[in-house]
Amino acid sequence: MNLDKRISRIAGILILFGMLAGLLSIVPSVESTEFLKELFPNRSQVLIGAVFQFLLVPIYIGFALILFKTLKAHKGNSAIGFVGFRMIAGAFQIFGVIYYPCSFILVRLI
């Protein structure tokens, strides 16, 4: 199996894992209009969603890093931009995951 085919398969597997983790990270109580009231009673759902959100970070960044060599051969600047924006998205994702447990503290203070 040549290198490009192996890279494509790994990237495809990462995309599938990303979709699965994204679906499992959906928490209806967080997306409701009164999420502060519904957050604490559903804290186990929220923490499970946060774990799957955290799993999305290495998938996002790993996908970009796997495809970097292939993209760089076609357009170097676009490849660097793609990896850079994926890392920024990963940083925002980690911030969101850290915010979930901190929101429990906020609910107890209210």
Protein backbone atom coordinates (compact mmCIF):
# COMPACT_ATOMS: atom_id res chain seq x y z
CA MET A 1 0.00 0.00 0.00
CA ASN A 2 1.51 3.34 -0.96
CA LEU A 3 1.89 6.24 1.44
CA ASP A 4 -0.86 8.46 -0.01
CA LYS A 5 -3.43 5.69 0.24
CA ARG A 6 -2.46 4.97 3.85
CA ILE A 7 -2.65 8.68 4.72
CA SER A 8 -6.09 8.90 3.10
CA ARG A 9 -7.36 5.92 5.07
CA ILE A 10 -6.08 7.31 8.37
CA ALA A 11 -7.68 10.68 7.58
CA GLY A 12 -10.97 8.96 6.74
CA ILE A 13 -10.90 6.99 9.98
CA LEU A 14 -10.26 10.21 11.91
CA ILE A 15 -13.22 11.87 10.17
CA LEU A 16 -15.48 8.95 11.10
CA PHE A 17 -14.28 9.00 14.72
CA GLY A 18 -14.83 12.76 14.75
CA MET A 19 -18.41 12.39 13.56
CA LEU A 20 -19.09 9.68 16.13
CA ALA A 21 -17.55 11.70 18.98
CA GLY A 22 -19.45 14.78 17.80
CA LEU A 23 -22.76 12.93 17.88
CA LEU A 24 -22.04 11.51 21.32
CA SER A 25 -21.08 14.93 22.67
CA ILE A 26 -24.54 16.44 22.10
CA VAL A 27 -26.18 17.31 25.42
CA PRO A 28 -29.75 18.63 25.10
CA SER A 29 -29.77 20.20 28.57
CA VAL A 30 -26.86 22.47 27.66
CA GLU A 31 -28.57 23.68 24.52
CA SER A 32 -31.88 24.57 26.16
CA THR A 33 -32.86 28.13 26.98
CA GLU A 34 -32.74 27.47 30.73
CA PHE A 35 -29.55 25.47 30.76
CA LEU A 36 -28.42 26.75 34.16
CA LYS A 37 -31.47 25.16 35.79
CA GLU A 38 -31.12 21.91 33.86
CA LEU A 39 -27.34 21.63 34.13
CA PHE A 40 -26.91 20.32 37.65
CA PRO A 41 -29.62 17.60 37.54
CA ASN A 42 -28.09 16.30 34.28
CA ARG A 43 -24.45 16.65 35.32
CA SER A 44 -23.50 13.11 34.28
CA GLN A 45 -24.76 13.76 30.74
CA VAL A 46 -22.84 17.02 30.65
CA LEU A 47 -19.61 15.39 31.81
CA ILE A 48 -19.95 12.58 29.26
CA GLY A 49 -20.52 15.22 26.58
CA ALA A 50 -17.43 17.08 27.80
CA VAL A 51 -15.33 13.91 27.54
CA PHE A 52 -16.40 13.38 23.94
CA GLN A 53 -15.79 17.07 23.20
CA PHE A 54 -12.30 16.63 24.62
CA LEU A 55 -11.76 13.61 22.35
CA LEU A 56 -12.59 15.80 19.37
CA VAL A 57 -9.52 18.00 19.96
CA PRO A 58 -6.84 15.42 19.05
CA ILE A 59 -9.05 14.21 16.19
CA TYR A 60 -9.30 17.74 14.73
CA ILE A 61 -5.61 18.44 15.08
CA GLY A 62 -4.56 14.92 14.07
CA PHE A 63 -6.59 15.15 10.87
CA ALA A 64 -4.83 18.36 9.90
CA LEU A 65 -1.39 16.99 10.75
CA ILE A 66 -2.01 13.77 8.81
CA LEU A 67 -3.01 15.70 5.69
CA PHE A 68 -0.34 18.40 6.05
CA LYS A 69 2.30 16.66 3.94
CA THR A 70 -0.16 15.94 1.14
CA LEU A 71 -1.61 19.45 1.18
CA LYS A 72 1.83 21.06 1.34
CA ALA A 73 2.78 19.36 -1.93
CA HIS A 74 -0.12 21.13 -3.67
CA LYS A 75 -0.32 24.49 -1.87
CA GLY A 76 2.11 25.20 0.94
CA ASN A 77 0.49 28.32 2.36
CA SER A 78 -2.96 26.75 2.38
CA ALA A 79 -1.61 23.72 4.23
CA ILE A 80 -0.07 25.91 6.93
CA GLY A 81 -3.31 27.87 7.23
CA PHE A 82 -5.34 24.68 7.48
CA VAL A 83 -3.19 23.32 10.31
CA GLY A 84 -3.12 26.70 12.05
CA PHE A 85 -6.88 27.12 12.00
CA ARG A 86 -7.40 23.55 13.19
CA MET A 87 -5.10 24.27 16.16
CA ILE A 88 -7.04 27.43 16.93
CA ALA A 89 -10.29 25.42 16.75
CA GLY A 90 -8.73 22.87 19.12
CA ALA A 91 -7.85 25.63 21.58
CA PHE A 92 -11.43 26.93 21.53
CA GLN A 93 -12.68 23.37 21.96
CA ILE A 94 -10.48 22.86 25.04
CA PHE A 95 -11.74 26.18 26.44
CA GLY A 96 -15.32 24.95 26.00
CA VAL A 97 -14.55 21.64 27.67
CA ILE A 98 -13.00 23.44 30.63
CA TYR A 99 -16.04 25.73 30.83
CA TYR A 100 -18.46 22.79 31.33
CA PRO A 101 -17.20 21.73 34.78
CA CYS A 102 -16.78 25.36 35.80
CA SER A 103 -20.44 25.94 35.02
CA PHE A 104 -21.34 23.52 37.84
CA ILE A 105 -19.64 25.90 40.25
CA LEU A 106 -21.57 28.79 38.71
CA VAL A 107 -24.88 26.94 39.17
CA ARG A 108 -24.16 26.31 42.84
CA LEU A 109 -23.42 30.00 43.39
CA ILE A 110 -26.71 31.11 41.85
